[in-house]
Amino acid sequence: MKRSLATHKGWIMGFSALIVLGVACLIHAQDQPDGNASAAKDQYLVLLKHGPKWIPNKNVEEQPLLEHGRYLNRQMLKGALQLAGPFLDGSGGLIVYNATNEAEVRAIAEHDPGVLSQVLEIDSIRPFRIAFDAATGKSPFKPAN
């Protein structure tokens, strides 16, 4: 019985070490300058506006956008979507995608069910570089002494 328990504990410790090592490698890779251009991801802003099938006099919560929301969630889980949300004035919304190029982002945005159903329309796609990031503390400036 003791031998079986010791073997089990050893396996758990080894597996835990592998998980920690894997997470450390992921964090380290994210902090490194882009050494592999094909794996590099830039950010792109996608601005959305009302499409021809937007229902007048209804706010965003009352529009038929359930599949749009599910699609954005899948993009987020895949790592393509960084953030998204509607403008508070109800005029449209903004999505920040991580992608290797604009063509990749355009393909993702054009396959969005909200765009396909014409409730939403792509207003513009713009490349974007994060200079300041409160979540990570990233800044191009060093603190003043």
N, C-alpha and C. Protein backbone atom coordinates (compact mmCIF):
# COMPACT_ATOMS: atom_id res chain seq x y z
N MET A 1 0.82 -1.18 0.00
CA MET A 1 0.00 0.00 0.00
C MET A 1 0.87 1.25 0.00
N LYS A 2 1.94 1.26 0.83
CA LYS A 2 2.81 2.43 0.88
C LYS A 2 3.49 2.66 -0.46
N ARG A 3 3.89 1.59 -1.09
CA ARG A 3 4.59 1.70 -2.38
C ARG A 3 3.66 2.33 -3.42
N SER A 4 2.41 1.93 -3.46
CA SER A 4 1.44 2.45 -4.41
C SER A 4 1.18 3.94 -4.15
N LEU A 5 1.05 4.32 -2.90
CA LEU A 5 0.83 5.71 -2.54
C LEU A 5 2.03 6.55 -2.91
N ALA A 6 3.23 6.08 -2.65
CA ALA A 6 4.45 6.82 -2.99
C ALA A 6 4.56 6.99 -4.50
N THR A 7 4.25 5.96 -5.26
CA THR A 7 4.29 6.04 -6.72
C THR A 7 3.28 7.07 -7.22
N HIS A 8 2.10 7.06 -6.64
CA HIS A 8 1.04 8.00 -7.01
C HIS A 8 1.47 9.45 -6.73
N LYS A 9 2.05 9.68 -5.55
CA LYS A 9 2.52 11.02 -5.21
C LYS A 9 3.63 11.48 -6.14
N GLY A 10 4.53 10.58 -6.49
CA GLY A 10 5.61 10.92 -7.41
C GLY A 10 5.08 11.29 -8.78
N TRP A 11 4.08 10.56 -9.24
CA TRP A 11 3.48 10.86 -10.55
C TRP A 11 2.82 12.23 -10.53
N ILE A 12 2.09 12.53 -9.45
CA ILE A 12 1.42 13.84 -9.33
C ILE A 12 2.45 14.96 -9.30
N MET A 13 3.53 14.79 -8.55
CA MET A 13 4.56 15.83 -8.47
C MET A 13 5.22 16.03 -9.84
N GLY A 14 5.50 14.95 -10.55
CA GLY A 14 6.11 15.05 -11.88
C GLY A 14 5.18 15.75 -12.86
N PHE A 15 3.91 15.39 -12.84
CA PHE A 15 2.92 16.01 -13.71
C PHE A 15 2.78 17.50 -13.38
N SER A 16 2.73 17.84 -12.10
CA SER A 16 2.63 19.24 -11.67
C SER A 16 3.83 20.04 -12.16
N ALA A 17 5.02 19.45 -12.06
CA ALA A 17 6.23 20.13 -12.53
C ALA A 17 6.15 20.41 -14.03
N LEU A 18 5.62 19.46 -14.80
CA LEU A 18 5.46 19.66 -16.24
C LEU A 18 4.49 20.80 -16.53
N ILE A 19 3.41 20.89 -15.79
CA ILE A 19 2.44 21.98 -15.98
C ILE A 19 3.10 23.32 -15.67
N VAL A 20 3.80 23.42 -14.56
CA VAL A 20 4.48 24.66 -14.19
C VAL A 20 5.50 25.05 -15.25
N LEU A 21 6.26 24.08 -15.74
CA LEU A 21 7.24 24.35 -16.78
C LEU A 21 6.56 24.85 -18.05
N GLY A 22 5.46 24.23 -18.42
CA GLY A 22 4.72 24.66 -19.62
C GLY A 22 4.21 26.07 -19.50
N VAL A 23 3.63 26.42 -18.37
CA VAL A 23 3.13 27.79 -18.15
C VAL A 23 4.29 28.78 -18.17
N ALA A 24 5.40 28.43 -17.55
CA ALA A 24 6.57 29.32 -17.55
C ALA A 24 7.07 29.56 -18.97
N CYS A 25 7.08 28.51 -19.80
CA CYS A 25 7.51 28.66 -21.20
C CYS A 25 6.56 29.57 -21.95
N LEU A 26 5.25 29.45 -21.72
CA LEU A 26 4.29 30.32 -22.40
C LEU A 26 4.49 31.78 -21.99
N ILE A 27 4.67 32.03 -20.71
CA ILE A 27 4.88 33.39 -20.23
C ILE A 27 6.17 33.95 -20.81
N HIS A 28 7.23 33.15 -20.80
CA HIS A 28 8.51 33.58 -21.34
C HIS A 28 8.39 33.91 -22.83
N ALA A 29 7.67 33.08 -23.58
CA ALA A 29 7.52 33.31 -25.02
C ALA A 29 6.76 34.59 -25.29
N GLN A 30 5.78 34.93 -24.46
CA GLN A 30 5.01 36.16 -24.66
C GLN A 30 5.85 37.39 -24.36
N ASP A 31 6.83 37.27 -23.50
CA ASP A 31 7.67 38.41 -23.12
C ASP A 31 8.83 38.64 -24.07
N GLN A 32 9.08 37.70 -25.00
CA GLN A 32 10.22 37.81 -25.89
C GLN A 32 9.89 38.66 -27.10
N PRO A 33 10.90 39.37 -27.65
CA PRO A 33 10.67 40.09 -28.90
C PRO A 33 10.33 39.07 -29.99
N ASP A 34 9.64 39.54 -31.01
CA ASP A 34 9.20 38.65 -32.07
C ASP A 34 10.38 38.08 -32.83
N GLY A 35 10.82 36.91 -32.46
CA GLY A 35 11.92 36.26 -33.15
C GLY A 35 11.43 35.49 -34.37
N ASN A 36 10.20 35.05 -34.34
CA ASN A 36 9.62 34.31 -35.44
C ASN A 36 8.49 35.13 -36.03
N ALA A 37 8.76 35.78 -37.17
CA ALA A 37 7.80 36.70 -37.75
C ALA A 37 6.48 36.01 -38.10
N SER A 38 6.52 34.74 -38.49
CA SER A 38 5.29 34.06 -38.86
C SER A 38 4.40 33.81 -37.65
N ALA A 39 4.97 33.73 -36.46
CA ALA A 39 4.19 33.50 -35.26
C ALA A 39 3.79 34.81 -34.58
N ALA A 40 4.34 35.93 -35.04
CA ALA A 40 4.06 37.22 -34.42
C ALA A 40 2.60 37.60 -34.63
N LYS A 41 2.00 38.14 -33.60
CA LYS A 41 0.61 38.61 -33.69
C LYS A 41 0.57 40.09 -33.41
N ASP A 42 -0.05 40.81 -34.31
CA ASP A 42 -0.30 42.23 -34.12
C ASP A 42 -1.75 42.39 -33.71
N GLN A 43 -2.12 43.59 -33.31
CA GLN A 43 -3.49 43.86 -32.95
C GLN A 43 -4.13 44.68 -34.08
N TYR A 44 -5.42 44.42 -34.27
CA TYR A 44 -6.21 45.14 -35.26
C TYR A 44 -7.52 45.56 -34.63
N LEU A 45 -7.89 46.83 -34.83
CA LEU A 45 -9.18 47.32 -34.35
C LEU A 45 -10.19 47.12 -35.46
N VAL A 46 -11.30 46.50 -35.15
CA VAL A 46 -12.41 46.38 -36.09
C VAL A 46 -13.53 47.25 -35.52
N LEU A 47 -13.91 48.26 -36.29
CA LEU A 47 -15.02 49.12 -35.90
C LEU A 47 -16.26 48.62 -36.62
N LEU A 48 -17.32 48.40 -35.86
CA LEU A 48 -18.59 47.94 -36.41
C LEU A 48 -19.62 49.05 -36.32
N LYS A 49 -20.51 49.08 -37.30
CA LYS A 49 -21.63 50.02 -37.28
C LYS A 49 -22.91 49.25 -37.57
N HIS A 50 -24.04 49.94 -37.48
CA HIS A 50 -25.32 49.30 -37.76
C HIS A 50 -25.38 48.90 -39.23
N GLY A 51 -25.86 47.69 -39.47
CA GLY A 51 -26.06 47.22 -40.84
C GLY A 51 -27.47 47.50 -41.30
N PRO A 52 -27.78 47.16 -42.55
CA PRO A 52 -29.11 47.44 -43.09
C PRO A 52 -30.24 46.69 -42.37
N LYS A 53 -29.94 45.62 -41.67
CA LYS A 53 -30.99 44.87 -40.96
C LYS A 53 -31.03 45.18 -39.46
N TRP A 54 -30.33 46.26 -39.05
CA TRP A 54 -30.42 46.72 -37.66
C TRP A 54 -31.86 47.16 -37.43
N ILE A 55 -32.46 46.75 -36.33
CA ILE A 55 -33.85 47.10 -36.05
C ILE A 55 -33.88 48.49 -35.41
N PRO A 56 -34.48 49.47 -36.10
CA PRO A 56 -34.51 50.84 -35.58
C PRO A 56 -35.24 50.91 -34.23
N ASN A 57 -34.83 51.86 -33.43
CA ASN A 57 -35.43 52.14 -32.12
C ASN A 57 -35.28 50.99 -31.12
N LYS A 58 -34.32 50.10 -31.38
CA LYS A 58 -34.03 49.03 -30.42
C LYS A 58 -32.55 49.13 -30.07
N ASN A 59 -32.24 48.91 -28.79
CA ASN A 59 -30.84 48.98 -28.38
C ASN A 59 -30.13 47.67 -28.71
N VAL A 60 -28.83 47.64 -28.46
CA VAL A 60 -28.01 46.47 -28.84
C VAL A 60 -28.49 45.18 -28.19
N GLU A 61 -28.98 45.25 -26.95
CA GLU A 61 -29.46 44.06 -26.26
C GLU A 61 -30.72 43.49 -26.89
N GLU A 62 -31.45 44.29 -27.66
CA GLU A 62 -32.69 43.83 -28.29
C GLU A 62 -32.51 43.41 -29.75
N GLN A 63 -31.28 43.48 -30.25
CA GLN A 63 -30.99 43.09 -31.63
C GLN A 63 -30.75 41.58 -31.69
N PRO A 64 -30.95 40.96 -32.86
CA PRO A 64 -30.70 39.52 -33.00
C PRO A 64 -29.20 39.23 -33.15
N LEU A 65 -28.48 39.31 -32.02
CA LEU A 65 -27.02 39.19 -32.04
C LEU A 65 -26.50 38.05 -31.17
N LEU A 66 -27.34 37.08 -30.85
CA LEU A 66 -26.90 35.96 -30.01
C LEU A 66 -25.76 35.19 -30.68
N GLU A 67 -25.89 34.86 -31.96
CA GLU A 67 -24.84 34.12 -32.64
C GLU A 67 -23.56 34.96 -32.79
N HIS A 68 -23.71 36.26 -32.94
CA HIS A 68 -22.56 37.17 -32.97
C HIS A 68 -21.78 37.06 -31.66
N GLY A 69 -22.50 37.08 -30.54
CA GLY A 69 -21.85 36.96 -29.23
C GLY A 69 -21.17 35.62 -29.05
N ARG A 70 -21.80 34.56 -29.50
CA ARG A 70 -21.21 33.23 -29.40
C ARG A 70 -19.95 33.13 -30.27
N TYR A 71 -20.00 33.74 -31.44
CA TYR A 71 -18.85 33.75 -32.35
C TYR A 71 -17.67 34.48 -31.71
N LEU A 72 -17.96 35.65 -31.12
CA LEU A 72 -16.89 36.41 -30.46
C LEU A 72 -16.30 35.60 -29.31
N ASN A 73 -17.14 34.90 -28.57
CA ASN A 73 -16.63 34.08 -27.47
C ASN A 73 -15.70 32.98 -27.99
N ARG A 74 -16.06 32.35 -29.10
CA ARG A 74 -15.19 31.32 -29.69
C ARG A 74 -13.86 31.93 -30.14
N GLN A 75 -13.91 33.14 -30.71
CA GLN A 75 -12.68 33.80 -31.14
C GLN A 75 -11.80 34.13 -29.93
N MET A 76 -12.43 34.51 -28.83
CA MET A 76 -11.68 34.80 -27.60
C MET A 76 -11.02 33.54 -27.07
N LEU A 77 -11.74 32.43 -27.06
CA LEU A 77 -11.18 31.18 -26.55
C LEU A 77 -10.03 30.69 -27.42
N LYS A 78 -10.05 31.00 -28.71
CA LYS A 78 -8.96 30.63 -29.62
C LYS A 78 -7.76 31.56 -29.50
N GLY A 79 -7.94 32.70 -28.80
CA GLY A 79 -6.85 33.66 -28.66
C GLY A 79 -6.83 34.74 -29.72
N ALA A 80 -7.80 34.72 -30.63
CA ALA A 80 -7.85 35.72 -31.69
C ALA A 80 -8.43 37.04 -31.19
N LEU A 81 -9.43 36.98 -30.34
CA LEU A 81 -10.09 38.18 -29.84
C LEU A 81 -9.45 38.61 -28.53
N GLN A 82 -9.06 39.87 -28.46
CA GLN A 82 -8.47 40.39 -27.23
C GLN A 82 -9.52 41.09 -26.38
N LEU A 83 -10.36 41.91 -26.98
CA LEU A 83 -11.45 42.55 -26.26
C LEU A 83 -12.49 43.02 -27.26
N ALA A 84 -13.71 43.24 -26.78
CA ALA A 84 -14.79 43.68 -27.65
C ALA A 84 -15.90 44.28 -26.81
N GLY A 85 -16.68 45.14 -27.42
CA GLY A 85 -17.84 45.69 -26.73
C GLY A 85 -18.51 46.77 -27.55
N PRO A 86 -19.77 47.08 -27.17
CA PRO A 86 -20.53 48.11 -27.89
C PRO A 86 -20.15 49.51 -27.40
N PHE A 87 -20.33 50.49 -28.29
CA PHE A 87 -20.17 51.89 -27.88
C PHE A 87 -21.38 52.27 -27.03
N LEU A 88 -21.14 53.07 -26.02
CA LEU A 88 -22.22 53.45 -25.10
C LEU A 88 -23.28 54.31 -25.75
N ASP A 89 -22.95 54.97 -26.87
CA ASP A 89 -23.96 55.77 -27.56
C ASP A 89 -24.82 54.93 -28.51
N GLY A 90 -24.56 53.61 -28.56
CA GLY A 90 -25.37 52.71 -29.37
C GLY A 90 -25.07 52.75 -30.86
N SER A 91 -23.99 53.40 -31.26
CA SER A 91 -23.70 53.58 -32.69
C SER A 91 -22.96 52.40 -33.32
N GLY A 92 -22.53 51.44 -32.55
CA GLY A 92 -21.78 50.32 -33.09
C GLY A 92 -20.93 49.70 -32.01
N GLY A 93 -19.75 49.21 -32.40
CA GLY A 93 -18.89 48.58 -31.42
C GLY A 93 -17.46 48.47 -31.92
N LEU A 94 -16.62 47.96 -31.05
CA LEU A 94 -15.20 47.82 -31.33
C LEU A 94 -14.76 46.43 -30.94
N ILE A 95 -13.91 45.84 -31.77
CA ILE A 95 -13.30 44.54 -31.47
C ILE A 95 -11.81 44.69 -31.68
N VAL A 96 -11.01 44.16 -30.77
CA VAL A 96 -9.56 44.11 -30.94
C VAL A 96 -9.19 42.65 -31.15
N TYR A 97 -8.65 42.37 -32.35
CA TYR A 97 -8.21 41.03 -32.70
C TYR A 97 -6.70 40.95 -32.70
N ASN A 98 -6.16 39.79 -32.35
CA ASN A 98 -4.75 39.46 -32.50
C ASN A 98 -4.64 38.65 -33.78
N ALA A 99 -3.79 39.08 -34.71
CA ALA A 99 -3.66 38.37 -35.98
C ALA A 99 -2.31 38.65 -36.60
N THR A 100 -1.96 37.84 -37.59
CA THR A 100 -0.68 38.03 -38.27
C THR A 100 -0.75 39.09 -39.35
N ASN A 101 -1.97 39.34 -39.89
CA ASN A 101 -2.11 40.37 -40.92
C ASN A 101 -3.57 40.78 -41.05
N GLU A 102 -3.80 41.83 -41.81
CA GLU A 102 -5.16 42.36 -41.97
C GLU A 102 -6.08 41.38 -42.68
N ALA A 103 -5.55 40.62 -43.64
CA ALA A 103 -6.38 39.65 -44.36
C ALA A 103 -6.97 38.61 -43.40
N GLU A 104 -6.18 38.19 -42.43
CA GLU A 104 -6.66 37.24 -41.44
C GLU A 104 -7.80 37.84 -40.63
N VAL A 105 -7.64 39.09 -40.21
CA VAL A 105 -8.68 39.78 -39.43
C VAL A 105 -9.93 39.98 -40.27
N ARG A 106 -9.74 40.39 -41.51
CA ARG A 106 -10.89 40.62 -42.40
C ARG A 106 -11.69 39.32 -42.56
N ALA A 107 -11.01 38.20 -42.73
CA ALA A 107 -11.70 36.92 -42.87
C ALA A 107 -12.50 36.59 -41.61
N ILE A 108 -11.92 36.82 -40.44
CA ILE A 108 -12.63 36.57 -39.18
C ILE A 108 -13.85 37.48 -39.07
N ALA A 109 -13.66 38.78 -39.33
CA ALA A 109 -14.74 39.76 -39.20
C ALA A 109 -15.85 39.51 -40.21
N GLU A 110 -15.50 39.13 -41.44
CA GLU A 110 -16.52 38.90 -42.46
C GLU A 110 -17.32 37.63 -42.22
N HIS A 111 -16.80 36.70 -41.41
CA HIS A 111 -17.53 35.48 -41.09
C HIS A 111 -18.33 35.60 -39.79
N ASP A 112 -18.30 36.77 -39.17
CA ASP A 112 -19.05 37.03 -37.96
C ASP A 112 -20.55 36.95 -38.30
N PRO A 113 -21.32 36.15 -37.57
CA PRO A 113 -22.76 36.04 -37.85
C PRO A 113 -23.50 37.38 -37.81
N GLY A 114 -23.05 38.31 -36.99
CA GLY A 114 -23.68 39.64 -36.97
C GLY A 114 -23.48 40.38 -38.27
N VAL A 115 -22.34 40.19 -38.91
CA VAL A 115 -22.03 40.81 -40.20
C VAL A 115 -22.75 40.03 -41.31
N LEU A 116 -22.68 38.71 -41.27
CA LEU A 116 -23.34 37.88 -42.29
C LEU A 116 -24.84 38.13 -42.34
N SER A 117 -25.46 38.36 -41.18
CA SER A 117 -26.90 38.61 -41.12
C SER A 117 -27.24 40.06 -41.45
N GLN A 118 -26.25 40.89 -41.63
CA GLN A 118 -26.37 42.32 -41.97
C GLN A 118 -26.98 43.16 -40.85
N VAL A 119 -27.01 42.63 -39.63
CA VAL A 119 -27.41 43.45 -38.49
C VAL A 119 -26.27 44.41 -38.19
N LEU A 120 -25.03 43.96 -38.43
CA LEU A 120 -23.83 44.78 -38.25
C LEU A 120 -23.09 44.87 -39.58
N GLU A 121 -22.25 45.88 -39.67
CA GLU A 121 -21.42 46.09 -40.84
C GLU A 121 -20.03 46.48 -40.40
N ILE A 122 -19.03 46.04 -41.12
CA ILE A 122 -17.66 46.46 -40.82
C ILE A 122 -17.50 47.89 -41.29
N ASP A 123 -17.15 48.77 -40.38
CA ASP A 123 -16.91 50.17 -40.72
C ASP A 123 -15.46 50.34 -41.17
N SER A 124 -14.53 49.78 -40.40
CA SER A 124 -13.11 49.85 -40.76
C SER A 124 -12.31 48.83 -39.98
N ILE A 125 -11.14 48.51 -40.51
CA ILE A 125 -10.18 47.65 -39.85
C ILE A 125 -8.87 48.41 -39.84
N ARG A 126 -8.31 48.59 -38.67
CA ARG A 126 -7.09 49.39 -38.54
C ARG A 126 -6.05 48.64 -37.73
N PRO A 127 -4.79 48.60 -38.21
CA PRO A 127 -3.72 47.99 -37.41
C PRO A 127 -3.49 48.83 -36.16
N PHE A 128 -3.11 48.17 -35.09
CA PHE A 128 -2.98 48.85 -33.80
C PHE A 128 -1.83 48.24 -33.03
N ARG A 129 -1.10 49.07 -32.32
CA ARG A 129 0.00 48.60 -31.48
C ARG A 129 -0.27 49.05 -30.05
N ILE A 130 -0.27 48.09 -29.14
CA ILE A 130 -0.45 48.41 -27.72
C ILE A 130 0.84 49.02 -27.19
N ALA A 131 0.77 50.26 -26.76
CA ALA A 131 1.93 50.92 -26.17
C ALA A 131 1.82 50.90 -24.64
N PHE A 132 0.62 51.15 -24.13
CA PHE A 132 0.37 51.16 -22.70
C PHE A 132 -0.67 50.10 -22.39
N ASP A 133 -0.42 49.27 -21.38
CA ASP A 133 -1.34 48.22 -21.00
C ASP A 133 -1.38 48.14 -19.49
N ALA A 134 -2.46 48.64 -18.91
CA ALA A 134 -2.59 48.66 -17.45
C ALA A 134 -2.62 47.25 -16.87
N ALA A 135 -3.16 46.28 -17.62
CA ALA A 135 -3.26 44.91 -17.11
C ALA A 135 -1.88 44.28 -16.90
N THR A 136 -0.94 44.61 -17.77
CA THR A 136 0.40 44.01 -17.67
C THR A 136 1.46 44.99 -17.17
N GLY A 137 1.12 46.27 -17.14
CA GLY A 137 2.09 47.29 -16.73
C GLY A 137 3.01 47.70 -17.87
N LYS A 138 2.72 47.24 -19.09
CA LYS A 138 3.56 47.58 -20.25
C LYS A 138 3.49 49.08 -20.53
N SER A 139 4.67 49.67 -20.73
CA SER A 139 4.75 51.09 -21.06
C SER A 139 6.08 51.35 -21.75
N PRO A 140 6.07 52.24 -22.77
CA PRO A 140 7.33 52.57 -23.42
C PRO A 140 8.18 53.54 -22.60
N PHE A 141 7.66 54.01 -21.46
CA PHE A 141 8.37 54.96 -20.61
C PHE A 141 8.76 54.31 -19.30
N LYS A 142 9.93 54.63 -18.85
CA LYS A 142 10.37 54.16 -17.53
C LYS A 142 9.87 55.17 -16.49
N PRO A 143 9.53 54.69 -15.30
CA PRO A 143 9.06 55.61 -14.25
C PRO A 143 10.15 56.64 -13.91
N ALA A 144 9.73 57.85 -13.60
CA ALA A 144 10.66 58.90 -13.20
C ALA A 144 11.20 58.57 -11.81
N ASN A 145 12.45 58.88 -11.60
CA ASN A 145 13.06 58.62 -10.28
C ASN A 145 12.79 59.75 -9.34
